[in-house]
Amino acid sequence: MNVWQIGDVKITRIVEVEMAGGTRFILPEATPEAVLPIKWLAPHFMTEKGKLIMSIHALVVDTGSHRIIVDTCIGNDKERDIPAWNNMQTSFLGDLEEAGYPRESIDAVLCTHLHVDHVGWNTMLKDGEWIPTFPNARYLFGKTEWEHWQQEVNDQYGEALDDSVRPIVDAGLAEFVASDYQICAEVSLVPTPGHTPGHVSVRISSNGDEAFITGDSLHHPCQIARLDWSCAADTDKEMARATRTEMLDGLANSETLVIGTHFATPSAGHVKKDEDGSYWLKVMSD
C-alpha cells in the first residue's frame, strides 16, 4: 500500500495483484530486448532480465469530505478470458477496510473506462446475484464511454458489462458524466481518448499541490520512453499516441505527481524531459 498527500487530499493505493512477466499481450512491442536499454525502468518497473512489472490496483482519493475510489480492478468470482484473471479470490475488500475505507464508506466510484480490469469490484457476488459493492456510492461512468459500449462492442479480455456495469445501472446508482466533469473542488476528469473513445484521467488539486492519475493512457512507464509503443487493447492507436504525447508534454518538468494506474510499486513519480526531447520518470523513492 502506498499513501500520498496532495495538499489536504490523501491518495491511497490498494493493490489487487502485482506481477512480473505475462504482460506481452498488453504491450507486444515491449520485448525484453527492447526494454533492457531503458535503464531507468529497473528495478521498479522491469526485472534484470527485462520482464515488465505491472500492477492492478485501485486508488482511494480522500478529500476529507469525499471518498472516491478510482478504478475497481478485476474483482472476485468474475469469469474472464485471461486465465490468471478468471474467478479470482483476493483480499481486496479486506485490504481496503484495513486501510481505513470499508466499502460502505465510499461515496463515489469512478471508472476511467469500462475494461474488465477497471470495473470488477463495482459489484460482488451475493446469493448468486451481482450486487453493488459500494452501496452508498454514486458510480461515475463517462457518457462517451458508455455510449461506445452500447454499440455491441465486446471487451477482448472478457465480458464485463453484464456482471460489473449493468447491475449498477439497474440499481439506479450510475451517473453518466462528461469527460471533463468536476467531481468536487479538488478532483476533476481530464479527457484522454484513444485507449477507448471515452477514456479519462483524473486531476487532483489542493493547496497548490497537484497529482494526475493516468488510467490506461499509459499502461507502463516504458511508454514514457517509447511513445510509439501501443497497447494491444487501444481502440485508436494513433489517437492514443497523440494523447500520450500531449499529456506527457504538459506534465514534463512540473511538480505534478503522476500516479500510474498500472505502474508497479512505487507507482508514482515526476515526468522529466531531457534536452534531446526524451521523457523519463523520476520515481518517488529516488
Protein backbone atom coordinates (compact mmCIF):
# COMPACT_ATOMS: atom_id res chain seq x y z
CA MET A 1 0.00 0.00 0.00
CA ASN A 2 1.24 3.49 -0.90
CA VAL A 3 -0.12 6.74 0.50
CA TRP A 4 0.48 10.19 -0.98
CA GLN A 5 -0.56 13.55 0.42
CA ILE A 6 -1.58 16.20 -2.13
CA GLY A 7 -2.38 19.31 -0.12
CA ASP A 8 -5.33 18.28 2.03
CA VAL A 9 -6.11 15.24 -0.13
CA LYS A 10 -4.86 11.76 0.74
CA ILE A 11 -4.48 9.18 -2.04
CA THR A 12 -4.18 5.52 -1.04
CA ARG A 13 -3.22 2.67 -3.36
CA ILE A 14 -4.96 -0.68 -2.77
CA VAL A 15 -3.22 -3.46 -4.72
CA GLU A 16 -5.20 -6.35 -6.13
CA VAL A 17 -2.29 -8.06 -7.91
CA GLU A 18 1.27 -7.15 -8.91
CA MET A 19 3.25 -9.32 -11.29
CA ALA A 20 6.40 -9.64 -13.38
CA GLY A 21 6.09 -11.09 -16.87
CA GLY A 22 2.93 -12.29 -18.54
CA THR A 23 2.26 -8.80 -19.91
CA ARG A 24 3.35 -9.19 -23.52
CA PHE A 25 -0.27 -9.49 -24.65
CA ILE A 26 -0.78 -5.92 -23.44
CA LEU A 27 2.38 -4.31 -24.86
CA PRO A 28 3.62 -6.66 -27.60
CA GLU A 29 6.46 -4.38 -28.70
CA ALA A 30 7.95 -4.22 -25.20
CA THR A 31 10.14 -7.30 -25.55
CA PRO A 32 12.97 -7.86 -23.03
CA GLU A 33 15.47 -6.93 -25.73
CA ALA A 34 13.63 -3.67 -26.39
CA VAL A 35 13.15 -2.58 -22.77
CA LEU A 36 16.55 -3.52 -21.30
CA PRO A 37 18.25 -0.45 -22.83
CA ILE A 38 15.78 1.78 -20.91
CA LYS A 39 17.92 1.62 -17.79
CA TRP A 40 15.76 3.80 -15.55
CA LEU A 41 12.96 1.20 -15.65
CA ALA A 42 14.97 -1.03 -13.30
CA PRO A 43 14.47 -2.11 -10.60
CA HIS A 44 10.92 -0.87 -10.06
CA PHE A 45 9.32 -1.48 -13.45
CA MET A 46 11.31 -4.30 -15.01
CA THR A 47 13.37 -7.24 -13.81
CA GLU A 48 17.08 -7.65 -14.51
CA LYS A 49 16.07 -9.88 -17.43
CA GLY A 50 13.80 -7.27 -18.97
CA LYS A 51 10.43 -8.62 -17.89
CA LEU A 52 7.92 -5.86 -17.27
CA ILE A 53 6.49 -5.50 -13.77
CA MET A 54 2.89 -4.27 -13.65
CA SER A 55 0.18 -3.78 -11.08
CA ILE A 56 -3.58 -3.80 -10.95
CA HIS A 57 -4.75 -1.54 -8.15
CA ALA A 58 -7.40 0.93 -7.07
CA LEU A 59 -6.76 4.43 -5.80
CA VAL A 60 -8.82 5.95 -3.00
CA VAL A 61 -8.93 9.75 -3.18
CA ASP A 62 -9.93 11.10 0.23
CA THR A 63 -10.61 14.84 0.27
CA GLY A 64 -11.92 14.86 3.82
CA SER A 65 -15.48 15.36 2.63
CA HIS A 66 -15.44 12.84 -0.23
CA ARG A 67 -14.10 9.30 -0.54
CA ILE A 68 -13.66 8.45 -4.20
CA ILE A 69 -12.31 5.13 -5.46
CA VAL A 70 -10.74 5.34 -8.92
CA ASP A 71 -10.98 2.10 -10.92
CA THR A 72 -12.06 -1.11 -9.23
CA CYS A 73 -9.67 -3.73 -10.64
CA ILE A 74 -10.76 -7.24 -11.71
CA GLY A 75 -12.86 -8.44 -8.79
CA ASN A 76 -13.58 -11.83 -7.29
CA ASP A 77 -15.68 -14.57 -8.90
CA LYS A 78 -15.62 -12.97 -12.38
CA GLU A 79 -15.38 -15.24 -15.43
CA ARG A 80 -12.61 -13.79 -17.59
CA ASP A 81 -10.80 -14.92 -20.73
CA ILE A 82 -7.33 -14.44 -19.23
CA PRO A 83 -6.65 -17.49 -17.02
CA ALA A 84 -4.84 -15.51 -14.31
CA TRP A 85 -7.82 -13.17 -14.05
CA ASN A 86 -10.52 -15.84 -14.09
CA ASN A 87 -12.52 -16.43 -10.89
CA MET A 88 -10.00 -14.58 -8.76
CA GLN A 89 -10.14 -14.79 -4.98
CA THR A 90 -8.25 -11.91 -3.37
CA SER A 91 -8.35 -9.99 -0.08
CA PHE A 92 -9.07 -6.69 -1.85
CA LEU A 93 -12.08 -5.67 0.25
CA GLY A 94 -10.31 -6.61 3.46
CA ASP A 95 -7.25 -4.62 2.39
CA LEU A 96 -9.48 -1.67 1.58
CA GLU A 97 -11.07 -1.82 5.03
CA GLU A 98 -7.69 -2.23 6.72
CA ALA A 99 -6.58 0.98 5.01
CA GLY A 100 -9.50 2.74 6.69
CA TYR A 101 -12.05 2.53 3.89
CA PRO A 102 -14.76 -0.06 4.46
CA ARG A 103 -16.84 -0.43 1.33
CA GLU A 104 -19.84 1.31 2.90
CA SER A 105 -17.74 4.46 3.45
CA ILE A 106 -17.05 5.08 -0.26
CA ASP A 107 -19.33 7.78 -1.68
CA ALA A 108 -18.13 7.84 -5.31
CA VAL A 109 -16.74 5.26 -7.72
CA LEU A 110 -15.02 6.49 -10.85
CA CYS A 111 -14.10 4.20 -13.75
CA THR A 112 -11.59 5.78 -16.13
CA HIS A 113 -13.03 3.42 -18.76
CA LEU A 114 -15.01 0.17 -18.84
CA HIS A 115 -12.42 -2.56 -19.44
CA VAL A 116 -12.53 -5.66 -17.24
CA ASP A 117 -9.60 -4.67 -15.02
CA HIS A 118 -11.14 -1.31 -14.14
CA VAL A 119 -14.73 -2.24 -13.24
CA GLY A 120 -14.55 -5.62 -11.48
CA TRP A 121 -15.17 -4.59 -7.89
CA ASN A 122 -18.09 -2.41 -8.92
CA THR A 123 -20.09 -5.49 -7.97
CA MET A 124 -19.76 -8.50 -5.73
CA LEU A 125 -21.46 -11.90 -5.83
CA LYS A 126 -24.07 -12.48 -3.15
CA ASP A 127 -26.58 -15.36 -3.21
CA GLY A 128 -25.90 -15.89 -6.90
CA GLU A 129 -26.51 -12.25 -7.88
CA TRP A 130 -24.21 -9.34 -8.68
CA ILE A 131 -24.89 -6.51 -6.25
CA PRO A 132 -23.18 -3.10 -5.92
CA THR A 133 -20.06 -3.43 -3.79
CA PHE A 134 -20.25 0.17 -2.65
CA PRO A 135 -23.91 0.61 -1.74
CA ASN A 136 -23.65 4.26 -0.64
CA ALA A 137 -21.71 5.47 -3.67
CA ARG A 138 -22.67 7.09 -6.92
CA TYR A 139 -20.88 5.38 -9.79
CA LEU A 140 -19.48 7.78 -12.38
CA PHE A 141 -19.22 6.43 -15.91
CA GLY A 142 -18.18 8.60 -18.83
CA LYS A 143 -21.13 9.33 -21.11
CA THR A 144 -18.98 8.93 -24.25
CA GLU A 145 -17.53 5.70 -22.86
CA TRP A 146 -20.94 4.25 -22.03
CA GLU A 147 -22.32 5.09 -25.48
CA HIS A 148 -19.31 3.35 -27.06
CA TRP A 149 -20.03 0.13 -25.18
CA GLN A 150 -23.69 0.18 -26.20
CA GLN A 151 -22.68 -0.45 -29.81
CA GLU A 152 -22.29 -4.21 -29.30
CA VAL A 153 -18.60 -3.77 -28.54
CA ASN A 154 -17.03 -6.62 -26.57
CA ASP A 155 -14.01 -6.45 -24.30
CA GLN A 156 -11.48 -8.85 -25.81
CA TYR A 157 -10.33 -9.93 -22.34
CA GLY A 158 -13.74 -10.94 -21.02
CA GLU A 159 -17.27 -9.62 -20.92
CA ALA A 160 -17.61 -7.14 -18.04
CA LEU A 161 -20.70 -5.09 -18.79
CA ASP A 162 -23.17 -7.76 -17.69
CA ASP A 163 -21.61 -8.56 -14.33
CA SER A 164 -19.89 -5.29 -13.39
CA VAL A 165 -21.61 -2.36 -15.08
CA ARG A 166 -25.24 -3.08 -15.94
CA PRO A 167 -26.10 -4.17 -12.37
CA ILE A 168 -25.03 -0.69 -11.27
CA VAL A 169 -27.21 0.94 -13.92
CA ASP A 170 -30.15 -1.31 -12.99
CA ALA A 171 -29.72 -0.36 -9.32
CA GLY A 172 -30.03 3.32 -10.21
CA LEU A 173 -26.55 4.17 -8.93
CA ALA A 174 -24.92 5.15 -12.24
CA GLU A 175 -24.30 8.72 -13.38
CA PHE A 176 -23.13 9.32 -16.94
CA VAL A 177 -20.84 12.33 -16.93
CA ALA A 178 -18.89 14.48 -19.36
CA SER A 179 -15.21 13.73 -19.96
CA ASP A 180 -14.20 16.97 -18.19
CA TYR A 181 -16.60 16.52 -15.25
CA GLN A 182 -15.73 18.20 -11.94
CA ILE A 183 -16.39 15.68 -9.17
CA CYS A 184 -15.65 18.08 -6.34
CA ALA A 185 -13.49 21.14 -5.72
CA GLU A 186 -10.29 19.07 -5.65
CA VAL A 187 -10.99 16.34 -8.22
CA SER A 188 -11.78 16.65 -11.93
CA LEU A 189 -11.71 14.49 -15.04
CA VAL A 190 -9.38 15.05 -17.99
CA PRO A 191 -10.30 13.68 -21.45
CA THR A 192 -7.56 11.28 -22.61
CA PRO A 193 -9.15 9.36 -25.51
CA GLY A 194 -7.55 6.69 -27.65
CA HIS A 195 -7.31 3.65 -25.44
CA THR A 196 -11.10 3.84 -25.56
CA PRO A 197 -13.17 6.65 -27.07
CA GLY A 198 -14.31 7.97 -23.71
CA HIS A 199 -11.22 7.27 -21.63
CA VAL A 200 -10.49 9.82 -18.89
CA SER A 201 -7.67 10.55 -16.48
CA VAL A 202 -8.03 12.29 -13.12
CA ARG A 203 -6.51 15.54 -11.85
CA ILE A 204 -6.28 16.24 -8.11
CA SER A 205 -5.52 19.79 -6.93
CA SER A 206 -5.27 21.00 -3.35
CA ASN A 207 -3.44 23.90 -1.73
CA GLY A 208 -1.08 24.35 -4.65
CA ASP A 209 -0.22 20.65 -4.99
CA GLU A 210 -1.30 18.52 -7.95
CA ALA A 211 -1.48 14.85 -8.87
CA PHE A 212 -2.53 13.14 -12.09
CA ILE A 213 -3.91 9.59 -12.27
CA THR A 214 -3.19 8.21 -15.73
CA GLY A 215 -5.77 5.47 -16.18
CA ASP A 216 -4.76 3.48 -19.25
CA SER A 217 -3.48 6.45 -21.22
CA LEU A 218 -0.20 4.90 -20.04
CA HIS A 219 -0.07 1.19 -19.25
CA HIS A 220 3.57 1.02 -18.24
CA PRO A 221 6.39 3.54 -17.70
CA CYS A 222 8.20 2.13 -20.75
CA GLN A 223 5.66 4.06 -22.85
CA ILE A 224 7.05 7.28 -21.40
CA ALA A 225 10.32 6.46 -23.13
CA ARG A 226 8.68 4.90 -26.18
CA LEU A 227 5.60 6.87 -27.12
CA ASP A 228 5.24 4.73 -30.24
CA TRP A 229 4.56 1.52 -28.29
CA SER A 230 0.84 0.87 -28.36
CA CYS A 231 -1.35 -1.25 -26.15
CA ALA A 232 -2.99 -4.18 -27.91
CA ALA A 233 -6.36 -3.07 -26.49
CA ASP A 234 -6.20 0.52 -27.78
CA THR A 235 -9.26 1.22 -29.91
CA ASP A 236 -7.46 4.00 -31.79
CA LYS A 237 -3.69 3.62 -31.60
CA GLU A 238 -2.90 6.88 -33.38
CA MET A 239 -5.19 8.86 -31.10
CA ALA A 240 -3.77 7.10 -28.02
CA ARG A 241 -0.25 8.01 -29.13
CA ALA A 242 -1.23 11.63 -29.68
CA THR A 243 -2.89 11.71 -26.27
CA ARG A 244 0.24 10.30 -24.58
CA THR A 245 2.43 12.88 -26.29
CA GLU A 246 0.23 15.84 -25.35
CA MET A 247 -0.23 14.55 -21.80
CA LEU A 248 3.49 13.97 -21.15
CA ASP A 249 4.41 17.32 -22.65
CA GLY A 250 2.03 19.02 -20.24
CA LEU A 251 3.35 17.08 -17.24
CA ALA A 252 7.05 17.20 -18.04
CA ASN A 253 9.33 19.02 -15.58
CA SER A 254 6.36 20.08 -13.46
CA GLU A 255 5.69 19.41 -9.78
CA THR A 256 2.63 17.30 -10.64
CA LEU A 257 2.83 13.83 -9.12
CA VAL A 258 1.97 11.25 -11.78
CA ILE A 259 0.33 8.09 -10.45
CA GLY A 260 0.15 5.24 -12.94
CA THR A 261 -2.92 3.05 -12.78
CA HIS A 262 -0.82 0.01 -13.73
CA PHE A 263 2.59 1.24 -12.56
CA ALA A 264 4.23 -1.21 -10.15
CA THR A 265 5.42 -0.11 -6.70
CA PRO A 266 6.23 2.74 -6.02
CA SER A 267 3.67 3.62 -8.74
CA ALA A 268 4.26 7.37 -8.78
CA GLY A 269 6.82 9.94 -9.82
CA HIS A 270 7.53 13.05 -11.83
CA VAL A 271 7.85 13.14 -15.61
CA LYS A 272 11.13 14.63 -16.82
CA LYS A 273 12.03 15.78 -20.32
CA ASP A 274 15.65 15.95 -21.41
CA GLU A 275 17.12 18.42 -23.88
CA ASP A 276 17.02 15.77 -26.60
CA GLY A 277 13.22 15.55 -26.21
CA SER A 278 13.18 12.19 -24.44
CA TYR A 279 10.92 11.59 -21.45
CA TRP A 280 11.58 9.57 -18.30
CA LEU A 281 10.03 9.09 -14.87
CA LYS A 282 11.77 10.08 -11.64
CA VAL A 283 10.12 7.79 -9.10
CA MET A 284 9.17 8.93 -5.61
CA SER A 285 11.73 6.68 -3.94
CA ASP A 286 14.64 8.24 -5.85
